[in-house]
C-alpha cells in the first residue's frame, strides 16, 4: 500500500468519525433548552459546537474528555466505535 492509499484511508476514517460524532453530540444535546447557554456554561464557543454538529470538525482531546465526562459516555462512543 502506498502513501496516497494510506492518506485516503485516514481521510475516510476521519469523515466517519466526524459524522458519528456530529450525530451523537446532537442526540446528547437534545434535552438542552438552549445550545448557546450550554456552550456558555462549558466555555466552548457556539461556532465550535455548531461545526461539530454539522460534521465540519472534531474537538481536541481536551474537549473529547470533557464531553465524555459531561454525558457519561466514552470517547469511543462519541466517535462511533461503540454503541
Protein backbone atom coordinates (compact mmCIF):
# COMPACT_ATOMS: atom_id res chain seq x y z
CA UNK A 1 0.00 0.00 0.00
CA UNK A 2 1.42 3.38 -0.96
CA UNK A 3 1.25 6.69 0.89
CA UNK A 4 -1.63 8.01 -1.19
CA UNK A 5 -3.72 4.95 -0.32
CA UNK A 6 -2.90 5.37 3.38
CA UNK A 7 -3.88 9.05 3.29
CA UNK A 8 -7.17 8.17 1.63
CA UNK A 9 -7.93 5.55 4.29
CA UNK A 10 -7.17 8.06 7.06
CA UNK A 11 -9.30 10.76 5.45
CA UNK A 12 -12.22 8.34 5.11
CA UNK A 13 -11.91 7.33 8.77
CA UNK A 14 -11.85 10.96 9.88
CA UNK A 15 -15.01 11.63 7.87
CA UNK A 16 -16.73 8.65 9.55
CA UNK A 17 -15.68 9.95 12.98
CA UNK A 18 -16.93 13.47 12.18
CA UNK A 19 -20.25 12.08 11.03
CA UNK A 20 -20.76 9.81 14.03
CA UNK A 21 -19.61 12.50 16.45
CA UNK A 22 -21.92 15.13 14.98
CA UNK A 23 -24.91 12.79 15.16
CA UNK A 24 -24.16 11.59 18.68
CA UNK A 25 -23.46 15.06 20.05
CA UNK A 26 -26.73 16.30 18.60
CA UNK A 27 -28.55 13.39 20.28
CA UNK A 28 -26.84 14.08 23.61
CA UNK A 29 -27.73 17.76 23.44
CA UNK A 30 -31.39 17.13 22.54
CA UNK A 31 -32.57 17.80 26.10
CA UNK A 32 -30.73 21.11 26.34
CA UNK A 33 -33.10 24.07 26.10
CA UNK A 34 -30.51 26.35 24.53
CA UNK A 35 -27.35 25.34 22.73
CA UNK A 36 -25.92 28.81 23.29
CA UNK A 37 -26.49 28.56 27.05
CA UNK A 38 -24.91 25.10 27.12
CA UNK A 39 -21.88 26.43 25.23
CA UNK A 40 -21.52 29.37 27.59
CA UNK A 41 -21.82 27.09 30.62
CA UNK A 42 -18.94 24.96 29.33
CA UNK A 43 -16.85 27.81 27.90
CA UNK A 44 -16.98 26.33 24.41
CA UNK A 45 -17.57 28.75 21.54
CA UNK A 46 -21.00 28.30 19.94
CA UNK A 47 -19.45 28.27 16.46
CA UNK A 48 -17.16 25.43 17.52
CA UNK A 49 -20.04 23.25 18.71
CA UNK A 50 -22.02 24.12 15.59
CA UNK A 51 -19.09 22.93 13.46
CA UNK A 52 -19.01 19.68 15.42
CA UNK A 53 -22.74 19.09 15.00
CA UNK A 54 -22.54 19.94 11.29
CA UNK A 55 -19.71 17.43 10.87
CA UNK A 56 -17.14 20.02 9.78
CA UNK A 57 -14.61 19.36 12.53
CA UNK A 58 -13.74 17.26 15.55
CA UNK A 59 -12.87 18.52 19.03
CA UNK A 60 -9.44 18.45 20.58
CA UNK A 61 -8.72 15.65 23.02
CA UNK A 62 -9.41 18.02 25.93
CA UNK A 63 -12.92 18.68 24.66
CA UNK A 64 -13.46 14.96 23.95
CA UNK A 65 -12.59 14.17 27.57
CA UNK A 66 -14.84 16.96 28.88
CA UNK A 67 -17.77 15.86 26.70
CA UNK A 68 -17.38 12.19 27.62
CA UNK A 69 -17.43 13.09 31.32
CA UNK A 70 -20.34 15.51 30.88
CA UNK A 71 -22.55 12.91 29.21
CA UNK A 72 -21.27 9.78 30.95
CA UNK A 73 -20.10 8.11 27.73
CA UNK A 74 -16.77 7.04 26.28
CA UNK A 75 -14.82 8.78 23.55
CA UNK A 76 -15.21 5.59 21.52
CA UNK A 77 -18.96 6.04 21.79
CA UNK A 78 -18.72 9.68 20.72
CA UNK A 79 -16.87 8.80 17.51
CA UNK A 80 -18.95 5.74 16.69
CA UNK A 81 -16.55 2.95 17.61
CA UNK A 82 -19.01 1.51 20.14
CA UNK A 83 -22.73 1.65 20.71
